[in-house]
Amino acid sequence: MALLTSEITRIKYELGFNVLSLGAEPYIGITRLFENIIQPYTLAGATTTSSTTVEAAETPKIPEQRSITLASAIGFSSGDRVVVDVDGLQETATVQSLSGSSVVLLLAKAHAGTYPVTVEGGESIIRELLAQIRACTEKLTRAIGYAGVKKVDEIEFFSPKEMANTLGAFGGIYQEREVFRLELAELLGIEYLRAMRQARGATTSIY
């Protein structure tokens, strides 16, 4: 399944690109890098679904052997790394064996209904990084109410760099998100504009 338009928009935001449509910027030369190159040409593994109900492992986070039936096993092979389900239920496992449309995996989480199963590829790696970035952002959002205030009497806030360098665990989460964003930029072969702006303190051309 190709990257969704919503995912492309999120990638733009996380890497510091604007999220305006092309018609909104008539005076800036722009190549439709995301829509014409990244979205249609990102490497993808085979994608299908499964409706096999899987119970969570008895011991949390310790995977157990499970057999699930795929709607289609085309493109799947023994030894493939596959991504099962989405969001908080998503997990990655290696195909232990493949027989017809049945695959044996080591899974720790519960899965129900009809959920996607995808052979690991560029798209699944991008989605994994976006999920990690989102998780960091949620942690920062919960902490920002008290951790971002530098001075109470004048309501002065820490800059992002100060937060990363001086706020302990909060700064660690911020740095972790920066690492994931940089990995995402490198994976896509594009520049991380946020970091460039912080480092140079100047306006950066938009591509």
C-alpha atoms as a PDB file:
ATOM      1  CA  MET A   1       0.000   0.000   0.000  1.00  0.00           C
ATOM      2  CA  ALA A   2       1.542   3.305  -1.076  1.00  0.00           C
ATOM      3  CA  LEU A   3       2.148   5.988   1.497  1.00  0.00           C
ATOM      4  CA  LEU A   4      -1.075   7.836   2.211  1.00  0.00           C
ATOM      5  CA  THR A   5      -1.479  11.538   1.503  1.00  0.00           C
ATOM      6  CA  SER A   6      -1.934  12.048   5.240  1.00  0.00           C
ATOM      7  CA  GLU A   7       1.408  10.308   5.854  1.00  0.00           C
ATOM      8  CA  ILE A   8       3.129  12.462   3.232  1.00  0.00           C
ATOM      9  CA  THR A   9       1.748  15.575   4.954  1.00  0.00           C
ATOM     10  CA  ARG A  10       3.021  14.324   8.299  1.00  0.00           C
ATOM     11  CA  ILE A  11       6.476  13.668   6.862  1.00  0.00           C
ATOM     12  CA  LYS A  12       6.583  17.222   5.497  1.00  0.00           C
ATOM     13  CA  TYR A  13       5.674  18.632   8.897  1.00  0.00           C
ATOM     14  CA  GLU A  14       8.146  16.511  10.865  1.00  0.00           C
ATOM     15  CA  LEU A  15      11.048  17.415   8.568  1.00  0.00           C
ATOM     16  CA  GLY A  16      10.264  21.119   8.484  1.00  0.00           C
ATOM     17  CA  PHE A  17       8.702  21.470   5.038  1.00  0.00           C
ATOM     18  CA  ASN A  18       5.582  23.579   4.647  1.00  0.00           C
ATOM     19  CA  VAL A  19       2.247  21.818   4.249  1.00  0.00           C
ATOM     20  CA  LEU A  20       0.650  24.274   1.839  1.00  0.00           C
ATOM     21  CA  SER A  21      -0.624  23.193  -1.557  1.00  0.00           C
ATOM     22  CA  LEU A  22       1.395  24.264  -4.586  1.00  0.00           C
ATOM     23  CA  GLY A  23      -1.221  26.787  -5.646  1.00  0.00           C
ATOM     24  CA  ALA A  24      -0.669  28.683  -2.408  1.00  0.00           C
ATOM     25  CA  GLU A  25       2.936  29.478  -3.337  1.00  0.00           C
ATOM     26  CA  PRO A  26       2.992  30.914  -6.872  1.00  0.00           C
ATOM     27  CA  TYR A  27       6.296  32.754  -6.394  1.00  0.00           C
ATOM     28  CA  ILE A  28       8.438  29.908  -5.100  1.00  0.00           C
ATOM     29  CA  GLY A  29       9.878  27.303  -7.448  1.00  0.00           C
ATOM     30  CA  ILE A  30       8.934  23.894  -6.115  1.00  0.00           C
ATOM     31  CA  THR A  31       9.485  20.375  -7.317  1.00  0.00           C
ATOM     32  CA  ARG A  32       6.758  17.979  -6.235  1.00  0.00           C
ATOM     33  CA  LEU A  33       9.365  15.827  -4.516  1.00  0.00           C
ATOM     34  CA  PHE A  34       6.991  14.222  -2.051  1.00  0.00           C
ATOM     35  CA  GLU A  35       4.015  13.637  -4.349  1.00  0.00           C
ATOM     36  CA  ASN A  36       5.855  12.780  -7.590  1.00  0.00           C
ATOM     37  CA  ILE A  37       8.875  10.888  -6.273  1.00  0.00           C
ATOM     38  CA  ILE A  38       8.632   9.749  -2.654  1.00  0.00           C
ATOM     39  CA  GLN A  39       4.975   8.706  -2.600  1.00  0.00           C
ATOM     40  CA  PRO A  40       4.870   6.596  -5.795  1.00  0.00           C
ATOM     41  CA  TYR A  41       8.422   5.207  -5.756  1.00  0.00           C
ATOM     42  CA  THR A  42       9.096   4.256  -2.126  1.00  0.00           C
ATOM     43  CA  LEU A  43       9.996   0.580  -1.981  1.00  0.00           C
ATOM     44  CA  ALA A  44       7.197  -1.497  -0.512  1.00  0.00           C
ATOM     45  CA  GLY A  45       6.803  -5.075   0.567  1.00  0.00           C
ATOM     46  CA  ALA A  46       3.827  -7.278  -0.212  1.00  0.00           C
ATOM     47  CA  THR A  47       0.695  -6.267   1.675  1.00  0.00           C
ATOM     48  CA  THR A  48      -2.323  -8.322   2.652  1.00  0.00           C
ATOM     49  CA  THR A  49      -4.656  -8.759   5.617  1.00  0.00           C
ATOM     50  CA  SER A  50      -5.513 -11.375   8.192  1.00  0.00           C
ATOM     51  CA  SER A  51      -8.686 -11.952  10.194  1.00  0.00           C
ATOM     52  CA  THR A  52      -7.178 -14.511  12.553  1.00  0.00           C
ATOM     53  CA  THR A  53      -7.817 -13.576  16.174  1.00  0.00           C
ATOM     54  CA  VAL A  54      -4.604 -13.605  18.182  1.00  0.00           C
ATOM     55  CA  GLU A  55      -4.531 -13.471  21.963  1.00  0.00           C
ATOM     56  CA  ALA A  56      -1.861 -11.474  23.764  1.00  0.00           C
ATOM     57  CA  ALA A  57       1.084 -13.438  25.120  1.00  0.00           C
ATOM     58  CA  GLU A  58       0.733 -14.618  28.706  1.00  0.00           C
ATOM     59  CA  THR A  59       3.886 -12.737  29.658  1.00  0.00           C
ATOM     60  CA  PRO A  60       3.744  -9.178  28.299  1.00  0.00           C
ATOM     61  CA  LYS A  61       6.359  -8.323  25.679  1.00  0.00           C
ATOM     62  CA  ILE A  62       7.547 -11.926  25.388  1.00  0.00           C
ATOM     63  CA  PRO A  63       6.370 -13.206  21.978  1.00  0.00           C
ATOM     64  CA  GLU A  64       4.757 -16.603  21.576  1.00  0.00           C
ATOM     65  CA  GLN A  65       4.399 -18.716  18.464  1.00  0.00           C
ATOM     66  CA  ARG A  66       1.160 -17.968  16.616  1.00  0.00           C
ATOM     67  CA  SER A  67      -0.272 -19.140  13.319  1.00  0.00           C
ATOM     68  CA  ILE A  68      -2.333 -16.697  11.271  1.00  0.00           C
ATOM     69  CA  THR A  69      -4.036 -17.068   7.909  1.00  0.00           C
ATOM     70  CA  LEU A  70      -3.330 -14.456   5.254  1.00  0.00           C
ATOM     71  CA  ALA A  71      -5.897 -13.297   2.739  1.00  0.00           C
ATOM     72  CA  SER A  72      -3.123 -13.730   0.162  1.00  0.00           C
ATOM     73  CA  ALA A  73       0.373 -15.154   0.634  1.00  0.00           C
ATOM     74  CA  ILE A  74       1.698 -13.755  -2.662  1.00  0.00           C
ATOM     75  CA  GLY A  75       4.995 -11.990  -2.013  1.00  0.00           C
ATOM     76  CA  PHE A  76       5.510 -13.616   1.399  1.00  0.00           C
ATOM     77  CA  SER A  77       8.348 -16.061   2.091  1.00  0.00           C
ATOM     78  CA  SER A  78       9.759 -17.917   5.059  1.00  0.00           C
ATOM     79  CA  GLY A  79      12.335 -15.688   6.735  1.00  0.00           C
ATOM     80  CA  ASP A  80      10.648 -12.412   5.749  1.00  0.00           C
ATOM     81  CA  ARG A  81      10.277  -9.723   8.369  1.00  0.00           C
ATOM     82  CA  VAL A  82       6.627  -8.689   8.466  1.00  0.00           C
ATOM     83  CA  VAL A  83       4.709  -5.877  10.140  1.00  0.00           C
ATOM     84  CA  VAL A  84       1.444  -6.969  11.756  1.00  0.00           C
ATOM     85  CA  ASP A  85      -1.408  -4.540  12.538  1.00  0.00           C
ATOM     86  CA  VAL A  86      -1.201  -0.767  13.031  1.00  0.00           C
ATOM     87  CA  ASP A  87      -0.775   1.935  15.683  1.00  0.00           C
ATOM     88  CA  GLY A  88      -0.400   0.654  19.249  1.00  0.00           C
ATOM     89  CA  LEU A  89      -1.068  -2.944  18.175  1.00  0.00           C
ATOM     90  CA  GLN A  90       1.676  -2.938  15.541  1.00  0.00           C
ATOM     91  CA  GLU A  91       4.550  -5.371  15.932  1.00  0.00           C
ATOM     92  CA  THR A  92       7.254  -6.827  13.717  1.00  0.00           C
ATOM     93  CA  ALA A  93       8.105 -10.507  13.462  1.00  0.00           C
ATOM     94  CA  THR A  94       9.958 -12.983  11.255  1.00  0.00           C
ATOM     95  CA  VAL A  95       8.007 -15.582   9.285  1.00  0.00           C
ATOM     96  CA  GLN A  96       8.996 -18.852  10.971  1.00  0.00           C
ATOM     97  CA  SER A  97       7.271 -20.986   8.365  1.00  0.00           C
ATOM     98  CA  LEU A  98       4.840 -20.591   5.488  1.00  0.00           C
ATOM     99  CA  SER A  99       2.333 -23.236   4.395  1.00  0.00           C
ATOM    100  CA  GLY A 100      -0.211 -22.166   1.820  1.00  0.00           C
ATOM    101  CA  SER A 101      -1.735 -19.020   3.260  1.00  0.00           C
ATOM    102  CA  SER A 102      -0.802 -19.812   6.862  1.00  0.00           C
ATOM    103  CA  VAL A 103       2.249 -18.225   8.446  1.00  0.00           C
ATOM    104  CA  VAL A 104       3.807 -18.894  11.826  1.00  0.00           C
ATOM    105  CA  LEU A 105       5.079 -15.838  13.693  1.00  0.00           C
ATOM    106  CA  LEU A 106       6.282 -14.953  17.171  1.00  0.00           C
ATOM    107  CA  LEU A 107       3.749 -12.381  18.406  1.00  0.00           C
ATOM    108  CA  ALA A 108       3.261 -10.698  21.772  1.00  0.00           C
ATOM    109  CA  LYS A 109       0.239  -8.456  21.207  1.00  0.00           C
ATOM    110  CA  ALA A 110      -3.431  -9.190  20.684  1.00  0.00           C
ATOM    111  CA  HIS A 111      -4.883  -8.799  17.183  1.00  0.00           C
ATOM    112  CA  ALA A 112      -8.540  -8.965  16.205  1.00  0.00           C
ATOM    113  CA  GLY A 113     -10.831  -8.064  13.348  1.00  0.00           C
ATOM    114  CA  THR A 114      -9.180  -7.594   9.973  1.00  0.00           C
ATOM    115  CA  TYR A 115      -5.707  -6.134  10.257  1.00  0.00           C
ATOM    116  CA  PRO A 116      -2.894  -5.512   7.740  1.00  0.00           C
ATOM    117  CA  VAL A 117       0.152  -7.756   7.394  1.00  0.00           C
ATOM    118  CA  THR A 118       3.007  -6.300   5.354  1.00  0.00           C
ATOM    119  CA  VAL A 119       6.423  -7.576   4.334  1.00  0.00           C
ATOM    120  CA  GLU A 120       8.948  -5.080   5.687  1.00  0.00           C
ATOM    121  CA  GLY A 121       9.995  -2.496   3.117  1.00  0.00           C
ATOM    122  CA  GLY A 122      10.626   1.206   2.760  1.00  0.00           C
ATOM    123  CA  GLU A 123       7.021   2.112   3.487  1.00  0.00           C
ATOM    124  CA  SER A 124       6.809   0.067   6.677  1.00  0.00           C
ATOM    125  CA  ILE A 125      10.112   1.497   7.927  1.00  0.00           C
ATOM    126  CA  ILE A 126       8.815   5.022   7.268  1.00  0.00           C
ATOM    127  CA  ARG A 127       5.607   4.235   9.147  1.00  0.00           C
ATOM    128  CA  GLU A 128       7.596   2.801  12.059  1.00  0.00           C
ATOM    129  CA  LEU A 129       9.683   5.982  12.288  1.00  0.00           C
ATOM    130  CA  LEU A 130       6.540   8.141  12.127  1.00  0.00           C
ATOM    131  CA  ALA A 131       5.056   6.098  14.975  1.00  0.00           C
ATOM    132  CA  GLN A 132       8.219   6.571  17.057  1.00  0.00           C
ATOM    133  CA  ILE A 133       8.202  10.311  16.360  1.00  0.00           C
ATOM    134  CA  ARG A 134       4.523  10.498  17.310  1.00  0.00           C
ATOM    135  CA  ALA A 135       5.190   8.637  20.576  1.00  0.00           C
ATOM    136  CA  CYS A 136       7.973  11.097  21.486  1.00  0.00           C
ATOM    137  CA  THR A 137       5.742  14.057  20.640  1.00  0.00           C
ATOM    138  CA  GLU A 138       2.963  12.702  22.871  1.00  0.00           C
ATOM    139  CA  LYS A 139       5.434  12.379  25.773  1.00  0.00           C
ATOM    140  CA  LEU A 140       6.694  15.921  25.195  1.00  0.00           C
ATOM    141  CA  THR A 141       3.139  17.260  25.017  1.00  0.00           C
ATOM    142  CA  ARG A 142       2.303  15.731  28.388  1.00  0.00           C
ATOM    143  CA  ALA A 143       5.441  17.244  29.938  1.00  0.00           C
ATOM    144  CA  ILE A 144       5.574  20.642  28.240  1.00  0.00           C
ATOM    145  CA  GLY A 145       3.123  22.242  30.669  1.00  0.00           C
ATOM    146  CA  TYR A 146       5.724  22.324  33.410  1.00  0.00           C
ATOM    147  CA  ALA A 147       9.044  21.349  31.842  1.00  0.00           C
ATOM    148  CA  GLY A 148       9.154  24.081  29.218  1.00  0.00           C
ATOM    149  CA  VAL A 149       8.866  27.050  31.576  1.00  0.00           C
ATOM    150  CA  LYS A 150      12.214  28.736  32.207  1.00  0.00           C
ATOM    151  CA  LYS A 151      11.101  31.691  34.363  1.00  0.00           C
ATOM    152  CA  VAL A 152       7.764  31.930  36.126  1.00  0.00           C
ATOM    153  CA  ASP A 153       7.605  35.640  36.905  1.00  0.00           C
ATOM    154  CA  GLU A 154       8.200  36.718  33.294  1.00  0.00           C
ATOM    155  CA  ILE A 155       6.844  33.527  31.640  1.00  0.00           C
ATOM    156  CA  GLU A 156      10.049  32.852  29.732  1.00  0.00           C
ATOM    157  CA  PHE A 157      10.227  29.521  27.947  1.00  0.00           C
ATOM    158  CA  PHE A 158      13.215  27.368  27.109  1.00  0.00           C
ATOM    159  CA  SER A 159      14.262  27.270  23.468  1.00  0.00           C
ATOM    160  CA  PRO A 160      14.230  23.782  21.902  1.00  0.00           C
ATOM    161  CA  LYS A 161      18.033  23.630  22.199  1.00  0.00           C
ATOM    162  CA  GLU A 162      17.940  24.610  25.871  1.00  0.00           C
ATOM    163  CA  MET A 163      15.259  22.018  26.557  1.00  0.00           C
ATOM    164  CA  ALA A 164      17.383  19.326  24.962  1.00  0.00           C
ATOM    165  CA  ASN A 165      20.519  20.299  26.871  1.00  0.00           C
ATOM    166  CA  THR A 166      19.219  21.178  30.335  1.00  0.00           C
ATOM    167  CA  LEU A 167      15.962  19.395  31.090  1.00  0.00           C
ATOM    168  CA  GLY A 168      17.108  15.866  31.822  1.00  0.00           C
ATOM    169  CA  ALA A 169      14.550  13.243  30.776  1.00  0.00           C
ATOM    170  CA  PHE A 170      12.518  15.855  28.907  1.00  0.00           C
ATOM    171  CA  GLY A 171      15.602  16.830  26.929  1.00  0.00           C
ATOM    172  CA  GLY A 172      16.324  13.167  26.311  1.00  0.00           C
ATOM    173  CA  ILE A 173      12.903  12.662  24.713  1.00  0.00           C
ATOM    174  CA  TYR A 174      13.435  15.766  22.592  1.00  0.00           C
ATOM    175  CA  GLN A 175      16.820  14.462  21.416  1.00  0.00           C
ATOM    176  CA  GLU A 176      15.329  11.040  20.726  1.00  0.00           C
ATOM    177  CA  ARG A 177      12.687  12.624  18.497  1.00  0.00           C
ATOM    178  CA  GLU A 178      15.397  14.543  16.659  1.00  0.00           C
ATOM    179  CA  VAL A 179      17.259  11.293  15.996  1.00  0.00           C
ATOM    180  CA  PHE A 180      14.116   9.668  14.570  1.00  0.00           C
ATOM    181  CA  ARG A 181      13.441  12.725  12.385  1.00  0.00           C
ATOM    182  CA  LEU A 182      17.014  12.676  11.091  1.00  0.00           C
ATOM    183  CA  GLU A 183      16.729   8.956  10.335  1.00  0.00           C
ATOM    184  CA  LEU A 184      13.509   9.654   8.435  1.00  0.00           C
ATOM    185  CA  ALA A 185      15.198  12.362   6.357  1.00  0.00           C
ATOM    186  CA  GLU A 186      18.152  10.082   5.596  1.00  0.00           C
ATOM    187  CA  LEU A 187      15.830   7.221   4.686  1.00  0.00           C
ATOM    188  CA  LEU A 188      14.060   9.458   2.155  1.00  0.00           C
ATOM    189  CA  GLY A 189      17.284  10.995   0.875  1.00  0.00           C
ATOM    190  CA  ILE A 190      16.223  14.563   1.663  1.00  0.00           C
ATOM    191  CA  GLU A 191      17.414  17.326   3.973  1.00  0.00           C
ATOM    192  CA  TYR A 192      16.129  17.802   7.500  1.00  0.00           C
ATOM    193  CA  LEU A 193      15.121  21.432   7.257  1.00  0.00           C
ATOM    194  CA  ARG A 194      14.390  21.887  10.962  1.00  0.00           C
ATOM    195  CA  ALA A 195      17.976  21.018  11.900  1.00  0.00           C
ATOM    196  CA  MET A 196      19.359  23.169   9.100  1.00  0.00           C
ATOM    197  CA  ARG A 197      17.442  26.209  10.322  1.00  0.00           C
ATOM    198  CA  GLN A 198      18.573  25.700  13.900  1.00  0.00           C
ATOM    199  CA  ALA A 199      22.206  25.236  12.858  1.00  0.00           C
ATOM    200  CA  ARG A 200      22.445  28.084  10.375  1.00  0.00           C
ATOM    201  CA  GLY A 201      19.936  30.520  11.786  1.00  0.00           C
ATOM    202  CA  ALA A 202      19.009  31.542   8.268  1.00  0.00           C
ATOM    203  CA  THR A 203      16.200  31.067   5.803  1.00  0.00           C
ATOM    204  CA  THR A 204      16.429  27.820   3.877  1.00  0.00           C
ATOM    205  CA  SER A 205      15.249  27.318   0.323  1.00  0.00           C
ATOM    206  CA  ILE A 206      12.236  25.066  -0.067  1.00  0.00           C
ATOM    207  CA  TYR A 207      12.492  22.186  -2.513  1.00  0.00           C
END
